[in-house]
């Protein structure tokens, strides 16, 4: 396999670099079962699931959170 440096990548047009990243990500997701999840990720997920089970009405749906984030960013750029 050929090694490519960051400076080599910088010479590639941006649209081709984006496509390269997409292809790279696709190749990673095809091998997802080979990726080991760190123990601390599993621990954190279990903790959050327990918290959700105790208070399922806490928090907000993603659609609501997303609107708030977009609104906040829009407000910051429009002033």
PDB file of N, CA and C in Angstrom:
ATOM      1  N   UNK A   1       0.842  -1.172   0.000  1.00  0.00           N
ATOM      2  CA  UNK A   1       0.000   0.000   0.000  1.00  0.00           C
ATOM      3  C   UNK A   1       0.892   1.242   0.000  1.00  0.00           C
ATOM      4  N   UNK A   2       0.513   2.213  -0.785  1.00  0.00           N
ATOM      5  CA  UNK A   2       1.270   3.463  -0.876  1.00  0.00           C
ATOM      6  C   UNK A   2       0.901   4.373   0.294  1.00  0.00           C
ATOM      7  N   UNK A   3       1.909   5.017   0.870  1.00  0.00           N
ATOM      8  CA  UNK A   3       1.684   5.977   1.946  1.00  0.00           C
ATOM      9  C   UNK A   3       1.477   7.359   1.343  1.00  0.00           C
ATOM     10  N   UNK A   4       0.461   8.066   1.833  1.00  0.00           N
ATOM     11  CA  UNK A   4       0.155   9.414   1.358  1.00  0.00           C
ATOM     12  C   UNK A   4       0.273  10.357   2.541  1.00  0.00           C
ATOM     13  N   UNK A   5       1.006  11.434   2.352  1.00  0.00           N
ATOM     14  CA  UNK A   5       1.173  12.405   3.434  1.00  0.00           C
ATOM     15  C   UNK A   5       0.040  13.429   3.410  1.00  0.00           C
ATOM     16  N   UNK A   6      -0.100  14.146   4.494  1.00  0.00           N
ATOM     17  CA  UNK A   6      -1.109  15.203   4.576  1.00  0.00           C
ATOM     18  C   UNK A   6      -0.830  16.266   3.521  1.00  0.00           C
ATOM     19  N   UNK A   7       0.432  16.574   3.291  1.00  0.00           N
ATOM     20  CA  UNK A   7       0.750  17.577   2.267  1.00  0.00           C
ATOM     21  C   UNK A   7       0.374  17.079   0.874  1.00  0.00           C
ATOM     22  N   UNK A   8       0.490  15.757   0.631  1.00  0.00           N
ATOM     23  CA  UNK A   8       0.026  15.199  -0.643  1.00  0.00           C
ATOM     24  C   UNK A   8      -1.480  15.381  -0.785  1.00  0.00           C
ATOM     25  N   UNK A   9      -2.189  15.123   0.291  1.00  0.00           N
ATOM     26  CA  UNK A   9      -3.647  15.265   0.261  1.00  0.00           C
ATOM     27  C   UNK A   9      -4.066  16.708   0.016  1.00  0.00           C
ATOM     28  N   UNK A  10      -3.309  17.644   0.551  1.00  0.00           N
ATOM     29  CA  UNK A  10      -3.642  19.062   0.392  1.00  0.00           C
ATOM     30  C   UNK A  10      -3.580  19.495  -1.068  1.00  0.00           C
ATOM     31  N   UNK A  11      -2.856  18.758  -1.884  1.00  0.00           N
ATOM     32  CA  UNK A  11      -2.739  19.094  -3.304  1.00  0.00           C
ATOM     33  C   UNK A  11      -3.933  18.599  -4.123  1.00  0.00           C
ATOM     34  N   UNK A  12      -4.715  17.719  -3.559  1.00  0.00           N
ATOM     35  CA  UNK A  12      -5.889  17.182  -4.256  1.00  0.00           C
ATOM     36  C   UNK A  12      -7.023  18.195  -4.136  1.00  0.00           C
ATOM     37  N   UNK A  13      -7.775  18.433  -5.206  1.00  0.00           N
ATOM     38  CA  UNK A  13      -8.909  19.370  -5.121  1.00  0.00           C
ATOM     39  C   UNK A  13      -9.887  18.951  -4.021  1.00  0.00           C
ATOM     40  N   UNK A  14     -10.500  19.937  -3.399  1.00  0.00           N
ATOM     41  CA  UNK A  14     -11.368  19.698  -2.236  1.00  0.00           C
ATOM     42  C   UNK A  14     -12.485  18.707  -2.528  1.00  0.00           C
ATOM     43  N   UNK A  15     -13.111  18.785  -3.698  1.00  0.00           N
ATOM     44  CA  UNK A  15     -14.206  17.855  -4.001  1.00  0.00           C
ATOM     45  C   UNK A  15     -13.704  16.413  -4.035  1.00  0.00           C
ATOM     46  N   UNK A  16     -12.485  16.209  -4.512  1.00  0.00           N
ATOM     47  CA  UNK A  16     -11.920  14.859  -4.539  1.00  0.00           C
ATOM     48  C   UNK A  16     -11.532  14.393  -3.135  1.00  0.00           C
ATOM     49  N   UNK A  17     -11.059  15.327  -2.295  1.00  0.00           N
ATOM     50  CA  UNK A  17     -10.742  14.967  -0.905  1.00  0.00           C
ATOM     51  C   UNK A  17     -12.004  14.564  -0.162  1.00  0.00           C
ATOM     52  N   UNK A  18     -13.092  15.301  -0.397  1.00  0.00           N
ATOM     53  CA  UNK A  18     -14.364  14.948   0.250  1.00  0.00           C
ATOM     54  C   UNK A  18     -14.790  13.552  -0.181  1.00  0.00           C
ATOM     55  N   UNK A  19     -14.693  13.271  -1.470  1.00  0.00           N
ATOM     56  CA  UNK A  19     -15.061  11.948  -1.979  1.00  0.00           C
ATOM     57  C   UNK A  19     -14.166  10.864  -1.359  1.00  0.00           C
ATOM     58  N   UNK A  20     -12.890  11.177  -1.204  1.00  0.00           N
ATOM     59  CA  UNK A  20     -11.952  10.239  -0.587  1.00  0.00           C
ATOM     60  C   UNK A  20     -12.357   9.931   0.853  1.00  0.00           C
ATOM     61  N   UNK A  21     -12.736  10.960   1.589  1.00  0.00           N
ATOM     62  CA  UNK A  21     -13.182  10.769   2.977  1.00  0.00           C
ATOM     63  C   UNK A  21     -14.453   9.917   3.005  1.00  0.00           C
ATOM     64  N   UNK A  22     -15.382  10.197   2.088  1.00  0.00           N
ATOM     65  CA  UNK A  22     -16.616   9.399   2.026  1.00  0.00           C
ATOM     66  C   UNK A  22     -16.293   7.933   1.747  1.00  0.00           C
ATOM     67  N   UNK A  23     -15.403   7.697   0.783  1.00  0.00           N
ATOM     68  CA  UNK A  23     -15.019   6.321   0.455  1.00  0.00           C
ATOM     69  C   UNK A  23     -14.329   5.643   1.635  1.00  0.00           C
ATOM     70  N   UNK A  24     -13.469   6.388   2.307  1.00  0.00           N
ATOM     71  CA  UNK A  24     -12.776   5.852   3.476  1.00  0.00           C
ATOM     72  C   UNK A  24     -13.778   5.484   4.569  1.00  0.00           C
ATOM     73  N   UNK A  25     -14.719   6.396   4.838  1.00  0.00           N
ATOM     74  CA  UNK A  25     -15.723   6.126   5.867  1.00  0.00           C
ATOM     75  C   UNK A  25     -16.574   4.915   5.491  1.00  0.00           C
ATOM     76  N   UNK A  26     -16.967   4.820   4.216  1.00  0.00           N
ATOM     77  CA  UNK A  26     -17.750   3.670   3.768  1.00  0.00           C
ATOM     78  C   UNK A  26     -16.985   2.371   4.002  1.00  0.00           C
ATOM     79  N   UNK A  27     -15.676   2.387   3.748  1.00  0.00           N
ATOM     80  CA  UNK A  27     -14.883   1.172   3.946  1.00  0.00           C
ATOM     81  C   UNK A  27     -14.803   0.802   5.428  1.00  0.00           C
ATOM     82  N   UNK A  28     -14.822   1.805   6.294  1.00  0.00           N
ATOM     83  CA  UNK A  28     -14.806   1.545   7.739  1.00  0.00           C
ATOM     84  C   UNK A  28     -16.133   0.942   8.175  1.00  0.00           C
ATOM     85  N   UNK A  29     -17.239   1.517   7.718  1.00  0.00           N
ATOM     86  CA  UNK A  29     -18.549   1.015   8.145  1.00  0.00           C
ATOM     87  C   UNK A  29     -18.825  -0.392   7.624  1.00  0.00           C
ATOM     88  N   UNK A  30     -18.196  -0.766   6.519  1.00  0.00           N
ATOM     89  CA  UNK A  30     -18.352  -2.133   6.017  1.00  0.00           C
ATOM     90  C   UNK A  30     -17.676  -3.147   6.939  1.00  0.00           C
ATOM     91  N   UNK A  31     -16.733  -2.677   7.738  1.00  0.00           N
ATOM     92  CA  UNK A  31     -15.995  -3.554   8.652  1.00  0.00           C
ATOM     93  C   UNK A  31     -16.341  -3.265  10.104  1.00  0.00           C
ATOM     94  N   UNK A  32     -17.535  -2.759  10.349  1.00  0.00           N
ATOM     95  CA  UNK A  32     -17.917  -2.284  11.679  1.00  0.00           C
ATOM     96  C   UNK A  32     -17.798  -3.371  12.747  1.00  0.00           C
ATOM     97  N   UNK A  33     -18.057  -4.625  12.390  1.00  0.00           N
ATOM     98  CA  UNK A  33     -17.982  -5.699  13.387  1.00  0.00           C
ATOM     99  C   UNK A  33     -16.550  -5.937  13.858  1.00  0.00           C
ATOM    100  N   UNK A  34     -15.569  -5.444  13.126  1.00  0.00           N
ATOM    101  CA  UNK A  34     -14.169  -5.599  13.517  1.00  0.00           C
ATOM    102  C   UNK A  34     -13.715  -4.521  14.500  1.00  0.00           C
ATOM    103  N   UNK A  35     -14.527  -3.487  14.679  1.00  0.00           N
ATOM    104  CA  UNK A  35     -14.151  -2.383  15.554  1.00  0.00           C
ATOM    105  C   UNK A  35     -14.547  -2.722  16.981  1.00  0.00           C
ATOM    106  N   UNK A  36     -13.568  -2.714  17.863  1.00  0.00           N
ATOM    107  CA  UNK A  36     -13.838  -3.019  19.262  1.00  0.00           C
ATOM    108  C   UNK A  36     -14.313  -1.757  19.982  1.00  0.00           C
ATOM    109  N   UNK A  37     -15.425  -1.882  20.676  1.00  0.00           N
ATOM    110  CA  UNK A  37     -15.962  -0.761  21.444  1.00  0.00           C
ATOM    111  C   UNK A  37     -15.249  -0.732  22.790  1.00  0.00           C
ATOM    112  N   UNK A  38     -14.657   0.410  23.143  1.00  0.00           N
ATOM    113  CA  UNK A  38     -13.961   0.488  24.436  1.00  0.00           C
ATOM    114  C   UNK A  38     -14.919   0.228  25.600  1.00  0.00           C
ATOM    115  N   UNK A  39     -14.405  -0.368  26.655  1.00  0.00           N
ATOM    116  CA  UNK A  39     -15.220  -0.692  27.829  1.00  0.00           C
ATOM    117  C   UNK A  39     -15.885   0.549  28.403  1.00  0.00           C
ATOM    118  N   UNK A  40     -15.183   1.689  28.397  1.00  0.00           N
ATOM    119  CA  UNK A  40     -15.770   2.900  28.980  1.00  0.00           C
ATOM    120  C   UNK A  40     -16.958   3.393  28.157  1.00  0.00           C
ATOM    121  N   UNK A  41     -16.982   3.116  26.843  1.00  0.00           N
ATOM    122  CA  UNK A  41     -18.155   3.463  26.029  1.00  0.00           C
ATOM    123  C   UNK A  41     -19.356   2.622  26.471  1.00  0.00           C
ATOM    124  N   UNK A  42     -19.119   1.334  26.653  1.00  0.00           N
ATOM    125  CA  UNK A  42     -20.199   0.440  27.080  1.00  0.00           C
ATOM    126  C   UNK A  42     -20.719   0.855  28.456  1.00  0.00           C
ATOM    127  N   UNK A  43     -19.805   1.192  29.361  1.00  0.00           N
ATOM    128  CA  UNK A  43     -20.193   1.625  30.707  1.00  0.00           C
ATOM    129  C   UNK A  43     -21.040   2.888  30.637  1.00  0.00           C
ATOM    130  N   UNK A  44     -20.618   3.845  29.834  1.00  0.00           N
ATOM    131  CA  UNK A  44     -21.361   5.101  29.697  1.00  0.00           C
ATOM    132  C   UNK A  44     -22.737   4.858  29.081  1.00  0.00           C
ATOM    133  N   UNK A  45     -22.815   4.013  28.086  1.00  0.00           N
ATOM    134  CA  UNK A  45     -24.097   3.691  27.464  1.00  0.00           C
ATOM    135  C   UNK A  45     -25.035   3.039  28.470  1.00  0.00           C
ATOM    136  N   UNK A  46     -24.535   2.091  29.246  1.00  0.00           N
ATOM    137  CA  UNK A  46     -25.357   1.439  30.269  1.00  0.00           C
ATOM    138  C   UNK A  46     -25.860   2.454  31.292  1.00  0.00           C
ATOM    139  N   UNK A  47     -24.987   3.379  31.705  1.00  0.00           N
ATOM    140  CA  UNK A  47     -25.366   4.424  32.663  1.00  0.00           C
ATOM    141  C   UNK A  47     -26.490   5.289  32.096  1.00  0.00           C
ATOM    142  N   UNK A  48     -26.338   5.697  30.853  1.00  0.00           N
ATOM    143  CA  UNK A  48     -27.356   6.560  30.235  1.00  0.00           C
ATOM    144  C   UNK A  48     -28.678   5.825  30.043  1.00  0.00           C
ATOM    145  N   UNK A  49     -28.609   4.554  29.701  1.00  0.00           N
ATOM    146  CA  UNK A  49     -29.839   3.775  29.556  1.00  0.00           C
ATOM    147  C   UNK A  49     -30.549   3.617  30.898  1.00  0.00           C
ATOM    148  N   UNK A  50     -29.774   3.393  31.984  1.00  0.00           N
ATOM    149  CA  UNK A  50     -30.382   3.311  33.320  1.00  0.00           C
ATOM    150  C   UNK A  50     -31.060   4.631  33.675  1.00  0.00           C
ATOM    151  N   UNK A  51     -30.364   5.745  33.410  1.00  0.00           N
ATOM    152  CA  UNK A  51     -30.934   7.067  33.698  1.00  0.00           C
ATOM    153  C   UNK A  51     -32.215   7.287  32.894  1.00  0.00           C
ATOM    154  N   UNK A  52     -32.211   6.864  31.649  1.00  0.00           N
ATOM    155  CA  UNK A  52     -33.411   6.999  30.823  1.00  0.00           C
ATOM    156  C   UNK A  52     -34.543   6.140  31.384  1.00  0.00           C
ATOM    157  N   UNK A  53     -34.232   4.908  31.760  1.00  0.00           N
ATOM    158  CA  UNK A  53     -35.263   4.024  32.311  1.00  0.00           C
ATOM    159  C   UNK A  53     -35.889   4.610  33.574  1.00  0.00           C
ATOM    160  N   UNK A  54     -35.090   5.313  34.385  1.00  0.00           N
ATOM    161  CA  UNK A  54     -35.604   5.934  35.608  1.00  0.00           C
ATOM    162  C   UNK A  54     -36.445   7.177  35.317  1.00  0.00           C
ATOM    163  N   UNK A  55     -36.105   7.911  34.267  1.00  0.00           N
ATOM    164  CA  UNK A  55     -36.789   9.168  33.927  1.00  0.00           C
ATOM    165  C   UNK A  55     -37.005   9.274  32.419  1.00  0.00           C
ATOM    166  N   UNK A  56     -37.892   8.458  31.855  1.00  0.00           N
ATOM    167  CA  UNK A  56     -38.056   8.461  30.393  1.00  0.00           C
ATOM    168  C   UNK A  56     -38.596   9.775  29.824  1.00  0.00           C
ATOM    169  N   UNK A  57     -39.186  10.621  30.661  1.00  0.00           N
ATOM    170  CA  UNK A  57     -39.727  11.892  30.170  1.00  0.00           C
ATOM    171  C   UNK A  57     -38.733  13.039  30.268  1.00  0.00           C
ATOM    172  N   UNK A  58     -37.549  12.769  30.827  1.00  0.00           N
ATOM    173  CA  UNK A  58     -36.499  13.792  30.901  1.00  0.00           C
ATOM    174  C   UNK A  58     -35.901  13.985  29.512  1.00  0.00           C
ATOM    175  N   UNK A  59     -35.295  15.142  29.318  1.00  0.00           N
ATOM    176  CA  UNK A  59     -34.627  15.397  28.046  1.00  0.00           C
ATOM    177  C   UNK A  59     -35.604  15.861  26.988  1.00  0.00           C
ATOM    178  N   UNK A  60     -35.146  15.847  25.757  1.00  0.00           N
ATOM    179  CA  UNK A  60     -35.951  16.315  24.632  1.00  0.00           C
ATOM    180  C   UNK A  60     -35.635  15.452  23.416  1.00  0.00           C
ATOM    181  N   UNK A  61     -36.601  15.315  22.516  1.00  0.00           N
ATOM    182  CA  UNK A  61     -36.337  14.554  21.294  1.00  0.00           C
ATOM    183  C   UNK A  61     -35.274  15.250  20.438  1.00  0.00           C
ATOM    184  N   UNK A  62     -34.576  14.464  19.643  1.00  0.00           N
ATOM    185  CA  UNK A  62     -33.513  15.002  18.799  1.00  0.00           C
ATOM    186  C   UNK A  62     -34.024  16.139  17.921  1.00  0.00           C
ATOM    187  N   UNK A  63     -35.219  16.009  17.365  1.00  0.00           N
ATOM    188  CA  UNK A  63     -35.743  17.057  16.480  1.00  0.00           C
ATOM    189  C   UNK A  63     -35.832  18.398  17.209  1.00  0.00           C
ATOM    190  N   UNK A  64     -36.210  18.366  18.476  1.00  0.00           N
ATOM    191  CA  UNK A  64     -36.310  19.590  19.281  1.00  0.00           C
ATOM    192  C   UNK A  64     -34.924  20.165  19.584  1.00  0.00           C
ATOM    193  N   UNK A  65     -34.025  19.301  19.973  1.00  0.00           N
ATOM    194  CA  UNK A  65     -32.659  19.735  20.285  1.00  0.00           C
ATOM    195  C   UNK A  65     -32.014  20.334  19.040  1.00  0.00           C
ATOM    196  N   UNK A  66     -32.213  19.684  17.916  1.00  0.00           N
ATOM    197  CA  UNK A  66     -31.639  20.160  16.653  1.00  0.00           C
ATOM    198  C   UNK A  66     -32.157  21.554  16.309  1.00  0.00           C
ATOM    199  N   UNK A  67     -33.457  21.779  16.487  1.00  0.00           N
ATOM    200  CA  UNK A  67     -34.031  23.105  16.217  1.00  0.00           C
ATOM    201  C   UNK A  67     -33.401  24.164  17.108  1.00  0.00           C
ATOM    202  N   UNK A  68     -33.197  23.825  18.383  1.00  0.00           N
ATOM    203  CA  UNK A  68     -32.576  24.787  19.304  1.00  0.00           C
ATOM    204  C   UNK A  68     -31.139  25.093  18.896  1.00  0.00           C
ATOM    205  N   UNK A  69     -30.414  24.068  18.500  1.00  0.00           N
ATOM    206  CA  UNK A  69     -29.020  24.267  18.089  1.00  0.00           C
ATOM    207  C   UNK A  69     -28.962  25.124  16.835  1.00  0.00           C
ATOM    208  N   UNK A  70     -29.773  24.791  15.858  1.00  0.00           N
ATOM    209  CA  UNK A  70     -29.783  25.561  14.612  1.00  0.00           C
ATOM    210  C   UNK A  70     -30.222  26.987  14.877  1.00  0.00           C
ATOM    211  N   UNK A  71     -31.222  27.166  15.716  1.00  0.00           N
ATOM    212  CA  UNK A  71     -31.689  28.505  16.059  1.00  0.00           C
ATOM    213  C   UNK A  71     -30.619  29.314  16.761  1.00  0.00           C
ATOM    214  N   UNK A  72     -29.887  28.678  17.654  1.00  0.00           N
ATOM    215  CA  UNK A  72     -28.821  29.362  18.383  1.00  0.00           C
ATOM    216  C   UNK A  72     -27.710  29.764  17.422  1.00  0.00           C
ATOM    217  N   UNK A  73     -27.317  28.856  16.542  1.00  0.00           N
ATOM    218  CA  UNK A  73     -26.265  29.167  15.575  1.00  0.00           C
ATOM    219  C   UNK A  73     -26.714  30.261  14.621  1.00  0.00           C
ATOM    220  N   UNK A  74     -27.955  30.182  14.177  1.00  0.00           N
ATOM    221  CA  UNK A  74     -28.483  31.187  13.253  1.00  0.00           C
ATOM    222  C   UNK A  74     -28.486  32.555  13.916  1.00  0.00           C
ATOM    223  N   UNK A  75     -28.886  32.592  15.185  1.00  0.00           N
ATOM    224  CA  UNK A  75     -28.923  33.856  15.921  1.00  0.00           C
ATOM    225  C   UNK A  75     -27.515  34.437  16.044  1.00  0.00           C
ATOM    226  N   UNK A  76     -26.545  33.586  16.291  1.00  0.00           N
ATOM    227  CA  UNK A  76     -25.161  34.057  16.459  1.00  0.00           C
ATOM    228  C   UNK A  76     -24.618  34.654  15.171  1.00  0.00           C
ATOM    229  N   UNK A  77     -25.021  34.102  14.023  1.00  0.00           N
ATOM    230  CA  UNK A  77     -24.497  34.587  12.751  1.00  0.00           C
ATOM    231  C   UNK A  77     -25.290  35.750  12.180  1.00  0.00           C
ATOM    232  N   UNK A  78     -26.501  35.939  12.651  1.00  0.00           N
ATOM    233  CA  UNK A  78     -27.338  36.993  12.071  1.00  0.00           C
ATOM    234  C   UNK A  78     -27.202  38.324  12.790  1.00  0.00           C
ATOM    235  N   UNK A  79     -26.467  38.375  13.894  1.00  0.00           N
ATOM    236  CA  UNK A  79     -26.348  39.638  14.623  1.00  0.00           C
ATOM    237  C   UNK A  79     -25.160  40.449  14.171  1.00  0.00           C
TER     238      UNK A  79
END
